Amino acid sequence: MLPFTGPMAAAVTPSRPDTYQMDLAACLEVIDFLCRSQVRAIALFGATGEFPHFSVEDRVRLAHMAIKRSRVPVIVNATHSCFEESRSIIDHAASNGAGGVLLQPPSYFRYAAPEIRQYFVDMIEEFEGRIPILLYNLPFFNNAIPAPVACELLGSGQAAGIKDSSGDLAYFGELLRVRQTAEFPLIVGNDNVFVEARRRGADGVISGCAAAVPELLVNLDRAIVEGNELKVADLALLLDEFIQHIERFPGPLGIRECLSTRGLKMGARAIPFAPETERKAAELREWFQGWLPEMLAKAK
């Protein structure tokens, strides 16, 4: 069994102040912040890390530095539109001590189940014994991994585990059925269903919300494991409130605003905000400043 259980954070990728280029120093400050929060692992370049904006060279450069800096395992998302580029990222991650890699189907174009299956089979066979490859199902932004394909790869032991970010509890139920006869980390990646999925048997979460409020996810996970239902109820309400506020923004942009309020450098945005979105961002920062002390007081 991989050591990827419990609360894990999907890190953001800060940029420089005046241009959307990766700010390596600010990225390492994010790594330090997450390590202090006692998350079990850190995932780089997932959806929260906005991986489509960065070159392969930038992605492997940050992965190299983050693996050296982090006090917890680092998981590297190797998703790309091209097999060769994903292979390059995985090779680098394996050579530099990453704990594992996440891999979606190739991005952008729509592929059918046979191509998706073959893609994973070929990649897993090539890196067998070098690094664990976890399936990464994120149908909101990319091709879904069809449930029969995921179940076959997990049930046969070819895939090392899965991060299911679909938020689809029926799909999650299919994965749970496979887990009755095969051992693999079953990780949820959608914060909206985290509490329900963890109660039903998920091993942990790779959470975008944990990028900004890791204390909340760490203590909510602990309360679920300990069966402290009163605390689960209190912290789940706080998580729902946080999600409602950040979901007013595309992708992780709300999370970045909250991290900026916590004093971390986020830098330039990939696209400029419209005036009305700037107003919403100011409202979010004001709300978050008042909400954060309450959350920290309860998440202990």
Protein backbone atom coordinates (compact mmCIF):
# COMPACT_ATOMS: atom_id res chain seq x y z
CA MET A 1 0.00 0.00 0.00
CA LEU A 2 1.30 3.44 -0.86
CA PRO A 3 1.78 5.93 1.97
CA PHE A 4 -0.74 8.29 0.35
CA THR A 5 -3.55 8.28 2.88
CA GLY A 6 -5.28 10.91 4.95
CA PRO A 7 -5.28 14.65 4.13
CA MET A 8 -3.05 15.73 1.24
CA ALA A 9 -2.84 19.13 -0.43
CA ALA A 10 -2.99 20.03 -4.10
CA ALA A 11 -0.56 22.95 -4.25
CA VAL A 12 -1.02 26.15 -6.21
CA THR A 13 1.78 27.40 -8.48
CA PRO A 14 2.62 31.06 -7.74
CA SER A 15 3.79 33.27 -10.57
CA ARG A 16 5.98 36.35 -10.72
CA PRO A 17 4.39 39.72 -9.87
CA ASP A 18 4.38 41.18 -13.38
CA THR A 19 4.18 38.17 -15.66
CA TYR A 20 2.66 34.70 -15.55
CA GLN A 21 5.98 32.90 -15.20
CA MET A 22 6.62 30.53 -12.33
CA ASP A 23 8.08 32.13 -9.20
CA LEU A 24 10.24 29.34 -7.80
CA ALA A 25 10.96 31.10 -4.50
CA ALA A 26 7.24 31.70 -3.88
CA CYS A 27 6.49 28.08 -4.85
CA LEU A 28 8.91 26.84 -2.21
CA GLU A 29 7.25 29.09 0.38
CA VAL A 30 3.99 27.33 -0.47
CA ILE A 31 5.72 23.97 0.09
CA ASP A 32 6.96 25.15 3.51
CA PHE A 33 3.49 26.42 4.44
CA LEU A 34 1.87 23.09 3.58
CA CYS A 35 4.53 21.04 5.37
CA ARG A 36 3.95 23.06 8.56
CA SER A 37 0.25 22.21 8.38
CA GLN A 38 0.92 18.47 8.73
CA VAL A 39 -0.61 17.35 5.45
CA ARG A 40 0.51 13.83 4.54
CA ALA A 41 1.67 14.64 1.00
CA ILE A 42 1.75 17.47 -1.54
CA ALA A 43 0.59 17.14 -5.14
CA LEU A 44 2.15 19.44 -7.74
CA PHE A 45 0.61 20.62 -11.00
CA GLY A 46 -2.87 19.26 -10.60
CA ALA A 47 -5.82 21.40 -11.58
CA THR A 48 -5.17 23.59 -8.51
CA GLY A 49 -1.59 24.00 -9.75
CA GLU A 50 -2.80 25.13 -13.21
CA PHE A 51 -0.44 22.77 -15.03
CA PRO A 52 -1.60 23.61 -18.60
CA HIS A 53 -0.02 27.07 -18.24
CA PHE A 54 3.53 25.77 -17.76
CA SER A 55 6.15 24.15 -19.95
CA VAL A 56 7.51 20.69 -19.26
CA GLU A 57 10.85 22.32 -18.41
CA ASP A 58 9.21 24.51 -15.76
CA ARG A 59 7.26 21.60 -14.35
CA VAL A 60 10.29 19.36 -13.89
CA ARG A 61 12.35 22.25 -12.49
CA LEU A 62 9.83 22.94 -9.75
CA ALA A 63 9.31 19.23 -9.08
CA HIS A 64 13.07 18.80 -8.58
CA MET A 65 13.24 21.67 -6.08
CA ALA A 66 10.01 20.78 -4.28
CA ILE A 67 11.06 17.16 -3.75
CA LYS A 68 14.28 18.36 -2.15
CA ARG A 69 12.50 20.96 -0.02
CA SER A 70 9.43 19.07 1.17
CA ARG A 71 9.29 17.15 4.43
CA VAL A 72 6.40 15.03 3.12
CA PRO A 73 6.10 12.94 -0.06
CA VAL A 74 5.62 14.87 -3.28
CA ILE A 75 3.26 13.56 -5.97
CA VAL A 76 3.81 14.99 -9.46
CA ASN A 77 1.03 15.29 -12.01
CA ALA A 78 2.48 14.16 -15.35
CA THR A 79 -0.58 14.81 -17.51
CA HIS A 80 0.07 16.24 -20.98
CA SER A 81 -1.51 16.09 -24.41
CA CYS A 82 1.45 14.04 -25.70
CA PHE A 83 2.66 10.62 -24.56
CA GLU A 84 6.33 11.59 -24.93
CA GLU A 85 5.98 14.68 -22.76
CA SER A 86 4.18 12.76 -20.01
CA ARG A 87 6.87 10.11 -20.21
CA SER A 88 9.54 12.80 -19.76
CA ILE A 89 7.85 14.18 -16.63
CA ILE A 90 7.45 10.70 -15.14
CA ASP A 91 11.06 9.82 -15.87
CA HIS A 92 12.22 12.98 -14.12
CA ALA A 93 9.94 12.35 -11.13
CA ALA A 94 11.21 8.78 -10.80
CA SER A 95 14.84 9.87 -11.03
CA ASN A 96 14.45 12.64 -8.45
CA GLY A 97 12.64 10.82 -5.67
CA ALA A 98 8.98 11.72 -6.11
CA GLY A 99 6.66 9.53 -4.08
CA GLY A 100 4.46 8.91 -7.10
CA VAL A 101 2.85 10.47 -10.13
CA LEU A 102 -0.70 11.30 -11.10
CA LEU A 103 -1.71 10.64 -14.68
CA GLN A 104 -4.86 11.65 -16.53
CA PRO A 105 -5.69 10.51 -20.05
CA PRO A 106 -4.01 12.72 -22.67
CA SER A 107 -5.57 16.17 -22.57
CA TYR A 108 -7.53 18.28 -25.04
CA PHE A 109 -8.66 15.80 -27.74
CA ARG A 110 -11.43 13.33 -26.96
CA TYR A 111 -10.28 9.72 -26.85
CA ALA A 112 -12.34 6.56 -26.57
CA ALA A 113 -11.94 3.86 -23.93
CA PRO A 114 -9.57 1.60 -25.97
CA GLU A 115 -7.07 4.44 -26.52
CA ILE A 116 -7.27 5.54 -22.90
CA ARG A 117 -6.72 2.00 -21.68
CA GLN A 118 -3.74 1.46 -23.98
CA TYR A 119 -2.22 4.78 -22.97
CA PHE A 120 -2.19 3.75 -19.32
CA VAL A 121 -1.06 0.19 -20.00
CA ASP A 122 1.92 1.35 -22.06
CA MET A 123 2.97 4.00 -19.54
CA ILE A 124 2.59 1.74 -16.51
CA GLU A 125 4.56 -1.07 -18.16
CA GLU A 126 7.38 1.30 -19.07
CA PHE A 127 7.82 2.56 -15.50
CA GLU A 128 7.04 -0.64 -13.62
CA GLY A 129 9.23 -0.85 -10.54
CA ARG A 130 10.51 2.73 -10.88
CA ILE A 131 7.63 4.84 -9.57
CA PRO A 132 3.96 4.29 -8.64
CA ILE A 133 1.52 5.67 -11.21
CA LEU A 134 -1.86 6.71 -9.85
CA LEU A 135 -4.81 7.19 -12.18
CA TYR A 136 -6.21 10.74 -12.10
CA ASN A 137 -9.86 11.04 -13.05
CA LEU A 138 -10.89 14.68 -13.63
CA PRO A 139 -13.74 14.72 -16.15
CA PHE A 140 -14.59 18.40 -15.57
CA PHE A 141 -11.49 19.47 -17.51
CA ASN A 142 -10.38 16.43 -19.47
CA ASN A 143 -11.28 12.98 -20.75
CA ALA A 144 -12.79 10.83 -18.03
CA ILE A 145 -11.25 7.47 -17.26
CA PRO A 146 -14.12 5.09 -18.06
CA ALA A 147 -15.12 3.12 -14.97
CA PRO A 148 -14.43 -0.29 -16.61
CA VAL A 149 -10.92 0.86 -17.59
CA ALA A 150 -10.16 2.19 -14.11
CA CYS A 151 -11.53 -0.94 -12.45
CA GLU A 152 -9.50 -3.23 -14.74
CA LEU A 153 -6.23 -1.37 -14.16
CA LEU A 154 -6.76 -1.19 -10.40
CA GLY A 155 -8.11 -4.69 -9.98
CA SER A 156 -5.19 -6.22 -11.89
CA GLY A 157 -2.64 -4.28 -9.83
CA GLN A 158 -1.30 -2.45 -12.87
CA ALA A 159 -2.25 1.01 -11.59
CA ALA A 160 -0.91 1.84 -8.13
CA GLY A 161 -4.05 3.72 -7.06
CA ILE A 162 -6.46 6.42 -8.13
CA LYS A 163 -7.36 10.02 -7.40
CA ASP A 164 -11.01 10.36 -8.34
CA SER A 165 -11.91 14.04 -8.71
CA SER A 166 -15.21 13.42 -10.48
CA GLY A 167 -17.40 13.99 -7.43
CA ASP A 168 -19.55 11.14 -8.78
CA LEU A 169 -20.40 8.84 -5.87
CA ALA A 170 -21.72 6.15 -8.24
CA TYR A 171 -18.29 6.05 -9.95
CA PHE A 172 -16.68 6.02 -6.50
CA GLY A 173 -18.91 3.07 -5.60
CA GLU A 174 -17.54 1.11 -8.58
CA LEU A 175 -14.03 1.72 -7.27
CA LEU A 176 -15.04 0.61 -3.79
CA ARG A 177 -16.32 -2.69 -5.21
CA VAL A 178 -12.93 -3.34 -6.81
CA ARG A 179 -11.29 -2.58 -3.47
CA GLN A 180 -13.05 -5.57 -1.95
CA THR A 181 -10.64 -7.86 -3.82
CA ALA A 182 -7.65 -5.61 -4.59
CA GLU A 183 -5.57 -3.36 -2.36
CA PHE A 184 -4.80 0.14 -3.65
CA PRO A 185 -5.06 3.72 -2.36
CA LEU A 186 -8.50 5.11 -3.20
CA ILE A 187 -8.14 8.88 -2.98
CA VAL A 188 -10.92 11.41 -3.46
CA GLY A 189 -10.07 14.66 -5.21
CA ASN A 190 -13.35 16.56 -4.99
CA ASP A 191 -13.81 18.48 -1.75
CA ASN A 192 -17.60 18.54 -2.15
CA VAL A 193 -17.82 14.78 -1.53
CA PHE A 194 -14.82 14.37 0.75
CA VAL A 195 -16.71 13.71 4.00
CA GLU A 196 -19.10 11.18 2.44
CA ALA A 197 -16.35 9.43 0.48
CA ARG A 198 -14.03 9.21 3.50
CA ARG A 199 -16.82 7.70 5.58
CA ARG A 200 -17.54 5.17 2.85
CA GLY A 201 -13.94 4.01 2.59
CA ALA A 202 -11.74 6.50 0.75
CA ASP A 203 -8.18 6.35 2.07
CA GLY A 204 -7.71 10.10 1.91
CA VAL A 205 -8.08 13.27 -0.11
CA ILE A 206 -5.85 15.32 -2.39
CA SER A 207 -7.62 18.59 -1.73
CA GLY A 208 -7.59 21.89 -3.55
CA CYS A 209 -9.15 23.53 -0.48
CA ALA A 210 -6.20 22.23 1.56
CA ALA A 211 -3.97 24.44 -0.58
CA ALA A 212 -5.39 27.46 1.27
CA VAL A 213 -6.84 26.00 4.49
CA PRO A 214 -4.84 22.84 5.20
CA GLU A 215 -5.64 23.08 8.92
CA LEU A 216 -9.32 22.55 8.17
CA LEU A 217 -8.79 19.43 6.05
CA VAL A 218 -6.22 17.93 8.43
CA ASN A 219 -8.50 18.26 11.44
CA LEU A 220 -11.68 17.30 9.58
CA ASP A 221 -9.98 14.12 8.42
CA ARG A 222 -8.84 13.37 11.96
CA ALA A 223 -12.36 13.87 13.30
CA ILE A 224 -13.78 11.47 10.68
CA VAL A 225 -11.19 8.79 11.52
CA GLU A 226 -11.80 9.20 15.27
CA GLY A 227 -15.57 9.13 14.86
CA ASN A 228 -16.02 12.54 16.49
CA GLU A 229 -19.30 13.34 14.79
CA LEU A 230 -19.89 16.67 16.54
CA LYS A 231 -16.55 17.96 15.32
CA VAL A 232 -17.11 16.50 11.86
CA ALA A 233 -20.39 18.40 11.64
CA ASP A 234 -18.81 21.70 12.73
CA LEU A 235 -15.81 21.43 10.41
CA ALA A 236 -17.86 20.15 7.47
CA LEU A 237 -20.03 23.27 7.70
CA LEU A 238 -16.89 25.42 7.56
CA LEU A 239 -15.63 23.48 4.55
CA ASP A 240 -18.97 23.88 2.76
CA GLU A 241 -18.90 27.62 3.46
CA PHE A 242 -15.37 27.92 2.09
CA ILE A 243 -16.28 25.95 -1.05
CA GLN A 244 -19.32 28.15 -1.69
CA HIS A 245 -17.12 31.25 -1.66
CA ILE A 246 -14.29 29.96 -3.85
CA GLU A 247 -16.63 28.34 -6.39
CA ARG A 248 -17.62 31.83 -7.52
CA PHE A 249 -14.28 31.91 -9.36
CA PRO A 250 -12.86 29.78 -12.19
CA GLY A 251 -10.66 26.88 -11.13
CA PRO A 252 -8.25 27.72 -8.29
CA LEU A 253 -8.42 31.52 -8.62
CA GLY A 254 -10.43 31.90 -5.42
CA ILE A 255 -7.94 29.69 -3.58
CA ARG A 256 -5.12 31.95 -4.78
CA GLU A 257 -6.93 35.02 -3.42
CA CYS A 258 -7.26 33.36 -0.01
CA LEU A 259 -3.58 32.39 0.05
CA SER A 260 -2.66 35.95 -0.80
CA THR A 261 -4.70 37.05 2.22
CA ARG A 262 -2.64 34.64 4.32
CA GLY A 263 0.51 36.45 3.24
CA LEU A 264 1.76 34.10 0.53
CA LYS A 265 2.90 35.60 -2.76
CA MET A 266 0.67 34.53 -5.63
CA GLY A 267 1.84 36.91 -8.36
CA ALA A 268 0.12 37.62 -11.64
CA ARG A 269 -3.00 35.79 -12.77
CA ALA A 270 -3.05 33.74 -15.96
CA ILE A 271 -5.86 35.93 -17.29
CA PRO A 272 -6.98 39.37 -16.06
CA PHE A 273 -10.13 39.69 -13.98
CA ALA A 274 -13.06 41.65 -15.32
CA PRO A 275 -14.02 44.63 -13.11
CA GLU A 276 -16.95 42.75 -11.57
CA THR A 277 -14.66 39.80 -10.79
CA GLU A 278 -12.17 42.15 -9.13
CA ARG A 279 -15.00 43.33 -6.91
CA LYS A 280 -15.89 39.74 -6.04
CA ALA A 281 -12.23 39.03 -5.27
CA ALA A 282 -12.10 41.98 -2.86
CA GLU A 283 -15.27 40.69 -1.19
CA LEU A 284 -13.74 37.22 -0.93
CA ARG A 285 -10.57 38.55 0.72
CA GLU A 286 -12.59 40.59 3.21
CA TRP A 287 -14.81 37.62 4.06
CA PHE A 288 -11.81 35.29 4.38
CA GLN A 289 -10.00 37.62 6.78
CA GLY A 290 -12.97 37.47 9.15
CA TRP A 291 -13.66 33.74 8.64
CA LEU A 292 -10.07 32.46 9.03
CA PRO A 293 -9.69 33.06 12.82
CA GLU A 294 -12.95 31.22 13.51
CA MET A 295 -11.85 28.29 11.36
CA LEU A 296 -8.42 28.10 13.01
CA ALA A 297 -10.00 28.19 16.47
CA LYS A 298 -12.33 25.28 15.67
CA ALA A 299 -9.80 23.25 13.65
CA LYS A 300 -7.64 22.13 16.56
